[in-house]
Amino acid sequence: MRYPESMLRYHVAFYLPRAGEKMVVAEALDFPGAVSQGFDLADARLMISSALEDLAQMLLEEGKPLPRPNPEATAPDADLIELTPLSVEVGAGRP
């Protein structure tokens, strides 16, 4: 899937379950505070996308800028790193 070049895309590191663990952990490397988990990789992708949207909406409502994606973001111990697009409505308030 291709996204518009102007869309913000953040680097998300996924950590697959190890011995005794059951959840996939997801952490946005270039968006501080965006961490989540899911029962499998697909669920973790949905959960981190939701966390990114919620954090971005909060920052925008407070009049703060969104973090800039860092093309150099890495996590050597991650099992997978993906670019995750951010989708927020500017000017949309929460119900």
PDB file of N, CA and C in Angstrom:
ATOM      1  N   MET A   1       0.836  -1.166   0.000  1.00  0.00           N
ATOM      2  CA  MET A   1       0.000   0.000   0.000  1.00  0.00           C
ATOM      3  C   MET A   1       0.886   1.236   0.000  1.00  0.00           C
ATOM      4  N   ARG A   2       0.527   2.223  -0.797  1.00  0.00           N
ATOM      5  CA  ARG A   2       1.284   3.478  -0.860  1.00  0.00           C
ATOM      6  C   ARG A   2       0.510   4.568  -0.148  1.00  0.00           C
ATOM      7  N   TYR A   3       1.252   5.425   0.544  1.00  0.00           N
ATOM      8  CA  TYR A   3       0.650   6.536   1.261  1.00  0.00           C
ATOM      9  C   TYR A   3       1.177   7.836   0.676  1.00  0.00           C
ATOM     10  N   PRO A   4       0.388   8.914   0.766  1.00  0.00           N
ATOM     11  CA  PRO A   4       0.874  10.202   0.269  1.00  0.00           C
ATOM     12  C   PRO A   4       2.189  10.581   0.945  1.00  0.00           C
ATOM     13  N   GLU A   5       3.075  11.187   0.185  1.00  0.00           N
ATOM     14  CA  GLU A   5       4.377  11.589   0.728  1.00  0.00           C
ATOM     15  C   GLU A   5       4.233  12.545   1.904  1.00  0.00           C
ATOM     16  N   SER A   6       3.160  13.335   1.929  1.00  0.00           N
ATOM     17  CA  SER A   6       2.990  14.310   3.005  1.00  0.00           C
ATOM     18  C   SER A   6       2.483  13.669   4.296  1.00  0.00           C
ATOM     19  N   MET A   7       2.053  12.415   4.249  1.00  0.00           N
ATOM     20  CA  MET A   7       1.550  11.737   5.447  1.00  0.00           C
ATOM     21  C   MET A   7       2.714  11.391   6.367  1.00  0.00           C
ATOM     22  N   LEU A   8       2.538  11.682   7.652  1.00  0.00           N
ATOM     23  CA  LEU A   8       3.568  11.332   8.624  1.00  0.00           C
ATOM     24  C   LEU A   8       3.563   9.824   8.843  1.00  0.00           C
ATOM     25  N   ARG A   9       4.749   9.238   8.802  1.00  0.00           N
ATOM     26  CA  ARG A   9       4.897   7.804   9.040  1.00  0.00           C
ATOM     27  C   ARG A   9       5.980   7.610  10.082  1.00  0.00           C
ATOM     28  N   TYR A  10       5.629   6.891  11.133  1.00  0.00           N
ATOM     29  CA  TYR A  10       6.542   6.690  12.252  1.00  0.00           C
ATOM     30  C   TYR A  10       7.094   5.267  12.249  1.00  0.00           C
ATOM     31  N   HIS A  11       8.307   5.131  12.727  1.00  0.00           N
ATOM     32  CA  HIS A  11       8.967   3.819  12.813  1.00  0.00           C
ATOM     33  C   HIS A  11       8.475   3.096  14.058  1.00  0.00           C
ATOM     34  N   VAL A  12       7.895   1.933  13.848  1.00  0.00           N
ATOM     35  CA  VAL A  12       7.382   1.139  14.964  1.00  0.00           C
ATOM     36  C   VAL A  12       8.173  -0.160  15.049  1.00  0.00           C
ATOM     37  N   ALA A  13       8.717  -0.399  16.227  1.00  0.00           N
ATOM     38  CA  ALA A  13       9.445  -1.640  16.486  1.00  0.00           C
ATOM     39  C   ALA A  13       8.487  -2.638  17.128  1.00  0.00           C
ATOM     40  N   PHE A  14       8.536  -3.867  16.630  1.00  0.00           N
ATOM     41  CA  PHE A  14       7.714  -4.941  17.177  1.00  0.00           C
ATOM     42  C   PHE A  14       8.628  -5.977  17.821  1.00  0.00           C
ATOM     43  N   TYR A  15       8.236  -6.388  19.008  1.00  0.00           N
ATOM     44  CA  TYR A  15       8.987  -7.391  19.755  1.00  0.00           C
ATOM     45  C   TYR A  15       8.076  -8.607  19.922  1.00  0.00           C
ATOM     46  N   LEU A  16       8.432  -9.692  19.270  1.00  0.00           N
ATOM     47  CA  LEU A  16       7.620 -10.898  19.308  1.00  0.00           C
ATOM     48  C   LEU A  16       7.786 -11.615  20.640  1.00  0.00           C
ATOM     49  N   PRO A  17       6.789 -12.404  21.024  1.00  0.00           N
ATOM     50  CA  PRO A  17       6.860 -13.096  22.323  1.00  0.00           C
ATOM     51  C   PRO A  17       8.078 -14.003  22.427  1.00  0.00           C
ATOM     52  N   ARG A  18       8.671 -13.980  23.587  1.00  0.00           N
ATOM     53  CA  ARG A  18       9.782 -14.867  23.916  1.00  0.00           C
ATOM     54  C   ARG A  18       9.243 -15.949  24.847  1.00  0.00           C
ATOM     55  N   ALA A  19      10.099 -16.775  25.339  1.00  0.00           N
ATOM     56  CA  ALA A  19       9.693 -17.866  26.231  1.00  0.00           C
ATOM     57  C   ALA A  19       8.850 -17.333  27.389  1.00  0.00           C
ATOM     58  N   GLY A  20       7.668 -17.876  27.529  1.00  0.00           N
ATOM     59  CA  GLY A  20       6.793 -17.498  28.626  1.00  0.00           C
ATOM     60  C   GLY A  20       5.966 -16.242  28.377  1.00  0.00           C
ATOM     61  N   GLU A  21       6.279 -15.472  27.366  1.00  0.00           N
ATOM     62  CA  GLU A  21       5.516 -14.267  27.054  1.00  0.00           C
ATOM     63  C   GLU A  21       4.411 -14.616  26.064  1.00  0.00           C
ATOM     64  N   LYS A  22       3.335 -13.825  26.079  1.00  0.00           N
ATOM     65  CA  LYS A  22       2.207 -14.120  25.196  1.00  0.00           C
ATOM     66  C   LYS A  22       1.842 -12.967  24.276  1.00  0.00           C
ATOM     67  N   MET A  23       2.382 -11.782  24.529  1.00  0.00           N
ATOM     68  CA  MET A  23       1.969 -10.598  23.778  1.00  0.00           C
ATOM     69  C   MET A  23       3.083 -10.088  22.870  1.00  0.00           C
ATOM     70  N   VAL A  24       2.654  -9.483  21.754  1.00  0.00           N
ATOM     71  CA  VAL A  24       3.574  -8.771  20.871  1.00  0.00           C
ATOM     72  C   VAL A  24       3.592  -7.322  21.351  1.00  0.00           C
ATOM     73  N   VAL A  25       4.758  -6.797  21.637  1.00  0.00           N
ATOM     74  CA  VAL A  25       4.904  -5.419  22.109  1.00  0.00           C
ATOM     75  C   VAL A  25       5.282  -4.538  20.920  1.00  0.00           C
ATOM     76  N   ALA A  26       4.661  -3.364  20.851  1.00  0.00           N
ATOM     77  CA  ALA A  26       4.930  -2.408  19.773  1.00  0.00           C
ATOM     78  C   ALA A  26       5.320  -1.070  20.391  1.00  0.00           C
ATOM     79  N   GLU A  27       6.357  -0.457  19.840  1.00  0.00           N
ATOM     80  CA  GLU A  27       6.845   0.828  20.342  1.00  0.00           C
ATOM     81  C   GLU A  27       7.195   1.726  19.163  1.00  0.00           C
ATOM     82  N   ALA A  28       6.600   2.924  19.134  1.00  0.00           N
ATOM     83  CA  ALA A  28       6.960   3.897  18.105  1.00  0.00           C
ATOM     84  C   ALA A  28       8.298   4.509  18.505  1.00  0.00           C
ATOM     85  N   LEU A  29       9.297   4.317  17.681  1.00  0.00           N
ATOM     86  CA  LEU A  29      10.647   4.747  18.019  1.00  0.00           C
ATOM     87  C   LEU A  29      10.827   6.250  17.940  1.00  0.00           C
ATOM     88  N   ASP A  30      10.032   6.902  17.112  1.00  0.00           N
ATOM     89  CA  ASP A  30      10.198   8.340  16.926  1.00  0.00           C
ATOM     90  C   ASP A  30       8.958   9.135  17.355  1.00  0.00           C
ATOM     91  N   PHE A  31       8.123   8.529  18.208  1.00  0.00           N
ATOM     92  CA  PHE A  31       6.975   9.222  18.795  1.00  0.00           C
ATOM     93  C   PHE A  31       6.943   8.848  20.278  1.00  0.00           C
ATOM     94  N   PRO A  32       7.595   9.654  21.129  1.00  0.00           N
ATOM     95  CA  PRO A  32       7.711   9.325  22.550  1.00  0.00           C
ATOM     96  C   PRO A  32       6.362   9.023  23.202  1.00  0.00           C
ATOM     97  N   GLY A  33       6.338   7.952  23.977  1.00  0.00           N
ATOM     98  CA  GLY A  33       5.144   7.568  24.719  1.00  0.00           C
ATOM     99  C   GLY A  33       4.215   6.615  24.004  1.00  0.00           C
ATOM    100  N   ALA A  34       4.431   6.395  22.718  1.00  0.00           N
ATOM    101  CA  ALA A  34       3.552   5.498  21.955  1.00  0.00           C
ATOM    102  C   ALA A  34       4.050   4.064  22.078  1.00  0.00           C
ATOM    103  N   VAL A  35       3.440   3.346  23.004  1.00  0.00           N
ATOM    104  CA  VAL A  35       3.777   1.947  23.256  1.00  0.00           C
ATOM    105  C   VAL A  35       2.466   1.198  23.438  1.00  0.00           C
ATOM    106  N   SER A  36       2.400  -0.007  22.901  1.00  0.00           N
ATOM    107  CA  SER A  36       1.198  -0.812  23.056  1.00  0.00           C
ATOM    108  C   SER A  36       1.567  -2.280  22.914  1.00  0.00           C
ATOM    109  N   GLN A  37       0.549  -3.129  22.915  1.00  0.00           N
ATOM    110  CA  GLN A  37       0.780  -4.554  22.724  1.00  0.00           C
ATOM    111  C   GLN A  37      -0.470  -5.189  22.148  1.00  0.00           C
ATOM    112  N   GLY A  38      -0.300  -6.395  21.622  1.00  0.00           N
ATOM    113  CA  GLY A  38      -1.428  -7.121  21.068  1.00  0.00           C
ATOM    114  C   GLY A  38      -1.211  -8.611  21.195  1.00  0.00           C
ATOM    115  N   PHE A  39      -2.280  -9.367  20.955  1.00  0.00           N
ATOM    116  CA  PHE A  39      -2.210 -10.821  21.075  1.00  0.00           C
ATOM    117  C   PHE A  39      -1.389 -11.454  19.955  1.00  0.00           C
ATOM    118  N   ASP A  40      -1.325 -10.772  18.805  1.00  0.00           N
ATOM    119  CA  ASP A  40      -0.511 -11.222  17.681  1.00  0.00           C
ATOM    120  C   ASP A  40      -0.043  -9.979  16.932  1.00  0.00           C
ATOM    121  N   LEU A  41       0.706 -10.168  15.855  1.00  0.00           N
ATOM    122  CA  LEU A  41       1.271  -9.022  15.125  1.00  0.00           C
ATOM    123  C   LEU A  41       0.179  -8.115  14.563  1.00  0.00           C
ATOM    124  N   ALA A  42      -0.865  -8.703  13.998  1.00  0.00           N
ATOM    125  CA  ALA A  42      -1.954  -7.890  13.437  1.00  0.00           C
ATOM    126  C   ALA A  42      -2.627  -7.054  14.522  1.00  0.00           C
ATOM    127  N   ASP A  43      -2.874  -7.647  15.669  1.00  0.00           N
ATOM    128  CA  ASP A  43      -3.495  -6.930  16.786  1.00  0.00           C
ATOM    129  C   ASP A  43      -2.570  -5.833  17.302  1.00  0.00           C
ATOM    130  N   ALA A  44      -1.281  -6.116  17.409  1.00  0.00           N
ATOM    131  CA  ALA A  44      -0.315  -5.115  17.864  1.00  0.00           C
ATOM    132  C   ALA A  44      -0.258  -3.935  16.892  1.00  0.00           C
ATOM    133  N   ARG A  45      -0.368  -4.212  15.591  1.00  0.00           N
ATOM    134  CA  ARG A  45      -0.389  -3.122  14.601  1.00  0.00           C
ATOM    135  C   ARG A  45      -1.596  -2.214  14.820  1.00  0.00           C
ATOM    136  N   LEU A  46      -2.761  -2.807  15.047  1.00  0.00           N
ATOM    137  CA  LEU A  46      -3.966  -2.006  15.295  1.00  0.00           C
ATOM    138  C   LEU A  46      -3.841  -1.193  16.577  1.00  0.00           C
ATOM    139  N   MET A  47      -3.313  -1.815  17.607  1.00  0.00           N
ATOM    140  CA  MET A  47      -3.210  -1.149  18.903  1.00  0.00           C
ATOM    141  C   MET A  47      -2.215   0.011  18.881  1.00  0.00           C
ATOM    142  N   ILE A  48      -1.075  -0.154  18.211  1.00  0.00           N
ATOM    143  CA  ILE A  48      -0.091   0.935  18.163  1.00  0.00           C
ATOM    144  C   ILE A  48      -0.603   2.074  17.286  1.00  0.00           C
ATOM    145  N   SER A  49      -1.348   1.739  16.227  1.00  0.00           N
ATOM    146  CA  SER A  49      -1.948   2.794  15.395  1.00  0.00           C
ATOM    147  C   SER A  49      -2.924   3.626  16.216  1.00  0.00           C
ATOM    148  N   SER A  50      -3.722   2.951  17.035  1.00  0.00           N
ATOM    149  CA  SER A  50      -4.671   3.642  17.898  1.00  0.00           C
ATOM    150  C   SER A  50      -3.941   4.504  18.930  1.00  0.00           C
ATOM    151  N   ALA A  51      -2.871   3.977  19.511  1.00  0.00           N
ATOM    152  CA  ALA A  51      -2.089   4.752  20.479  1.00  0.00           C
ATOM    153  C   ALA A  51      -1.486   5.992  19.830  1.00  0.00           C
ATOM    154  N   LEU A  52      -0.954   5.851  18.630  1.00  0.00           N
ATOM    155  CA  LEU A  52      -0.391   6.997  17.910  1.00  0.00           C
ATOM    156  C   LEU A  52      -1.464   8.061  17.659  1.00  0.00           C
ATOM    157  N   GLU A  53      -2.629   7.623  17.203  1.00  0.00           N
ATOM    158  CA  GLU A  53      -3.719   8.564  16.924  1.00  0.00           C
ATOM    159  C   GLU A  53      -4.148   9.299  18.188  1.00  0.00           C
ATOM    160  N   ASP A  54      -4.295   8.564  19.294  1.00  0.00           N
ATOM    161  CA  ASP A  54      -4.721   9.192  20.544  1.00  0.00           C
ATOM    162  C   ASP A  54      -3.688  10.207  21.048  1.00  0.00           C
ATOM    163  N   LEU A  55      -2.419   9.836  21.021  1.00  0.00           N
ATOM    164  CA  LEU A  55      -1.370  10.751  21.473  1.00  0.00           C
ATOM    165  C   LEU A  55      -1.276  11.981  20.569  1.00  0.00           C
ATOM    166  N   ALA A  56      -1.371  11.762  19.262  1.00  0.00           N
ATOM    167  CA  ALA A  56      -1.308  12.882  18.315  1.00  0.00           C
ATOM    168  C   ALA A  56      -2.473  13.830  18.526  1.00  0.00           C
ATOM    169  N   GLN A  57      -3.675  13.278  18.701  1.00  0.00           N
ATOM    170  CA  GLN A  57      -4.854  14.114  18.925  1.00  0.00           C
ATOM    171  C   GLN A  57      -4.696  14.938  20.197  1.00  0.00           C
ATOM    172  N   MET A  58      -4.165  14.327  21.245  1.00  0.00           N
ATOM    173  CA  MET A  58      -3.955  15.039  22.506  1.00  0.00           C
ATOM    174  C   MET A  58      -2.968  16.199  22.318  1.00  0.00           C
ATOM    175  N   LEU A  59      -1.853  15.926  21.632  1.00  0.00           N
ATOM    176  CA  LEU A  59      -0.867  16.984  21.398  1.00  0.00           C
ATOM    177  C   LEU A  59      -1.477  18.127  20.597  1.00  0.00           C
ATOM    178  N   LEU A  60      -2.226  17.799  19.547  1.00  0.00           N
ATOM    179  CA  LEU A  60      -2.833  18.833  18.708  1.00  0.00           C
ATOM    180  C   LEU A  60      -3.851  19.653  19.491  1.00  0.00           C
ATOM    181  N   GLU A  61      -4.640  18.980  20.330  1.00  0.00           N
ATOM    182  CA  GLU A  61      -5.629  19.703  21.140  1.00  0.00           C
ATOM    183  C   GLU A  61      -4.958  20.647  22.133  1.00  0.00           C
ATOM    184  N   GLU A  62      -3.759  20.299  22.566  1.00  0.00           N
ATOM    185  CA  GLU A  62      -3.005  21.150  23.494  1.00  0.00           C
ATOM    186  C   GLU A  62      -2.185  22.206  22.755  1.00  0.00           C
ATOM    187  N   GLY A  63      -2.277  22.220  21.432  1.00  0.00           N
ATOM    188  CA  GLY A  63      -1.537  23.199  20.638  1.00  0.00           C
ATOM    189  C   GLY A  63      -0.062  22.886  20.507  1.00  0.00           C
ATOM    190  N   LYS A  64       0.315  21.645  20.755  1.00  0.00           N
ATOM    191  CA  LYS A  64       1.717  21.230  20.672  1.00  0.00           C
ATOM    192  C   LYS A  64       1.991  20.566  19.326  1.00  0.00           C
ATOM    193  N   PRO A  65       3.223  20.669  18.851  1.00  0.00           N
ATOM    194  CA  PRO A  65       3.557  20.041  17.561  1.00  0.00           C
ATOM    195  C   PRO A  65       3.718  18.522  17.699  1.00  0.00           C
ATOM    196  N   LEU A  66       3.505  17.841  16.611  1.00  0.00           N
ATOM    197  CA  LEU A  66       3.750  16.397  16.572  1.00  0.00           C
ATOM    198  C   LEU A  66       5.243  16.160  16.411  1.00  0.00           C
ATOM    199  N   PRO A  67       5.748  15.073  16.971  1.00  0.00           N
ATOM    200  CA  PRO A  67       7.163  14.753  16.769  1.00  0.00           C
ATOM    201  C   PRO A  67       7.441  14.500  15.287  1.00  0.00           C
ATOM    202  N   ARG A  68       8.603  14.874  14.860  1.00  0.00           N
ATOM    203  CA  ARG A  68       9.010  14.620  13.476  1.00  0.00           C
ATOM    204  C   ARG A  68       9.518  13.183  13.360  1.00  0.00           C
ATOM    205  N   PRO A  69       9.053  12.463  12.333  1.00  0.00           N
ATOM    206  CA  PRO A  69       9.601  11.118  12.126  1.00  0.00           C
ATOM    207  C   PRO A  69      11.111  11.182  11.918  1.00  0.00           C
ATOM    208  N   ASN A  70      11.804  10.242  12.502  1.00  0.00           N
ATOM    209  CA  ASN A  70      13.249  10.186  12.415  1.00  0.00           C
ATOM    210  C   ASN A  70      13.660   9.059  11.476  1.00  0.00           C
ATOM    211  N   PRO A  71      14.167   9.387  10.292  1.00  0.00           N
ATOM    212  CA  PRO A  71      14.543   8.333   9.342  1.00  0.00           C
ATOM    213  C   PRO A  71      15.669   7.435   9.849  1.00  0.00           C
ATOM    214  N   GLU A  72      16.341   7.857  10.903  1.00  0.00           N
ATOM    215  CA  GLU A  72      17.455   7.076  11.454  1.00  0.00           C
ATOM    216  C   GLU A  72      17.046   6.229  12.662  1.00  0.00           C
ATOM    217  N   ALA A  73      15.745   6.214  12.987  1.00  0.00           N
ATOM    218  CA  ALA A  73      15.277   5.478  14.162  1.00  0.00           C
ATOM    219  C   ALA A  73      15.547   3.986  14.006  1.00  0.00           C
ATOM    220  N   THR A  74      16.167   3.415  15.010  1.00  0.00           N
ATOM    221  CA  THR A  74      16.462   1.983  14.983  1.00  0.00           C
ATOM    222  C   THR A  74      16.245   1.375  16.366  1.00  0.00           C
ATOM    223  N   ALA A  75      16.096   0.084  16.378  1.00  0.00           N
ATOM    224  CA  ALA A  75      16.003  -0.686  17.627  1.00  0.00           C
ATOM    225  C   ALA A  75      16.647  -2.033  17.346  1.00  0.00           C
ATOM    226  N   PRO A  76      17.927  -2.165  17.671  1.00  0.00           N
ATOM    227  CA  PRO A  76      18.658  -3.389  17.336  1.00  0.00           C
ATOM    228  C   PRO A  76      18.026  -4.670  17.873  1.00  0.00           C
ATOM    229  N   ASP A  77      17.304  -4.570  18.989  1.00  0.00           N
ATOM    230  CA  ASP A  77      16.719  -5.780  19.566  1.00  0.00           C
ATOM    231  C   ASP A  77      15.301  -6.069  19.081  1.00  0.00           C
ATOM    232  N   ALA A  78      14.761  -5.228  18.175  1.00  0.00           N
ATOM    233  CA  ALA A  78      13.411  -5.444  17.638  1.00  0.00           C
ATOM    234  C   ALA A  78      13.421  -6.608  16.657  1.00  0.00           C
ATOM    235  N   ASP A  79      12.307  -7.323  16.613  1.00  0.00           N
ATOM    236  CA  ASP A  79      12.157  -8.408  15.649  1.00  0.00           C
ATOM    237  C   ASP A  79      11.736  -7.885  14.283  1.00  0.00           C
ATOM    238  N   LEU A  80      11.096  -6.714  14.281  1.00  0.00           N
ATOM    239  CA  LEU A  80      10.573  -6.140  13.041  1.00  0.00           C
ATOM    240  C   LEU A  80      10.397  -4.642  13.253  1.00  0.00           C
ATOM    241  N   ILE A  81      10.732  -3.839  12.243  1.00  0.00           N
ATOM    242  CA  ILE A  81      10.472  -2.403  12.281  1.00  0.00           C
ATOM    243  C   ILE A  81       9.698  -2.050  11.020  1.00  0.00           C
ATOM    244  N   GLU A  82       8.580  -1.359  11.206  1.00  0.00           N
ATOM    245  CA  GLU A  82       7.736  -0.952  10.077  1.00  0.00           C
ATOM    246  C   GLU A  82       7.432   0.534  10.178  1.00  0.00           C
ATOM    247  N   LEU A  83       7.161   1.147   9.027  1.00  0.00           N
ATOM    248  CA  LEU A  83       6.665   2.514   9.005  1.00  0.00           C
ATOM    249  C   LEU A  83       5.154   2.457   9.160  1.00  0.00           C
ATOM    250  N   THR A  84       4.631   3.193  10.130  1.00  0.00           N
ATOM    251  CA  THR A  84       3.195   3.209  10.398  1.00  0.00           C
ATOM    252  C   THR A  84       2.676   4.619  10.147  1.00  0.00           C
ATOM    253  N   PRO A  85       1.692   4.762   9.240  1.00  0.00           N
ATOM    254  CA  PRO A  85       1.153   6.094   8.953  1.00  0.00           C
ATOM    255  C   PRO A  85       0.281   6.605  10.090  1.00  0.00           C
ATOM    256  N   LEU A  86       0.290   7.911  10.267  1.00  0.00           N
ATOM    257  CA  LEU A  86      -0.525   8.550  11.293  1.00  0.00           C
ATOM    258  C   LEU A  86      -1.712   9.219  10.622  1.00  0.00           C
ATOM    259  N   SER A  87      -2.891   8.944  11.142  1.00  0.00           N
ATOM    260  CA  SER A  87      -4.114   9.536  10.606  1.00  0.00           C
ATOM    261  C   SER A  87      -4.845  10.252  11.733  1.00  0.00           C
ATOM    262  N   VAL A  88      -4.892  11.574  11.658  1.00  0.00           N
ATOM    263  CA  VAL A  88      -5.641  12.371  12.632  1.00  0.00           C
ATOM    264  C   VAL A  88      -6.410  13.441  11.890  1.00  0.00           C
ATOM    265  N   GLU A  89      -7.510  13.871  12.481  1.00  0.00           N
ATOM    266  CA  GLU A  89      -8.302  14.950  11.893  1.00  0.00           C
ATOM    267  C   GLU A  89      -7.943  16.234  12.612  1.00  0.00           C
ATOM    268  N   VAL A  90      -7.383  17.161  11.878  1.00  0.00           N
ATOM    269  CA  VAL A  90      -7.034  18.451  12.465  1.00  0.00           C
ATOM    270  C   VAL A  90      -8.317  19.236  12.713  1.00  0.00           C
ATOM    271  N   GLY A  91      -8.409  19.773  13.922  1.00  0.00           N
ATOM    272  CA  GLY A  91      -9.584  20.567  14.272  1.00  0.00           C
ATOM    273  C   GLY A  91     -10.735  19.730  14.793  1.00  0.00           C
ATOM    274  N   ALA A  92     -10.608  18.433  14.809  1.00  0.00           N
ATOM    275  CA  ALA A  92     -11.679  17.570  15.312  1.00  0.00           C
ATOM    276  C   ALA A  92     -11.524  17.416  16.816  1.00  0.00           C
ATOM    277  N   GLY A  93     -12.540  17.775  17.546  1.00  0.00           N
ATOM    278  CA  GLY A  93     -12.503  17.615  18.996  1.00  0.00           C
ATOM    279  C   GLY A  93     -13.046  16.252  19.394  1.00  0.00           C
ATOM    280  N   ARG A  94     -12.740  15.865  20.600  1.00  0.00           N
ATOM    281  CA  ARG A  94     -13.278  14.589  21.100  1.00  0.00           C
ATOM    282  C   ARG A  94     -14.716  14.789  21.528  1.00  0.00           C
ATOM    283  N   PRO A  95     -15.526  13.747  21.417  1.00  0.00           N
ATOM    284  CA  PRO A  95     -16.934  13.862  21.824  1.00  0.00           C
ATOM    285  C   PRO A  95     -17.072  14.062  23.314  1.00  0.00           C
TER     286      PRO A  95
END
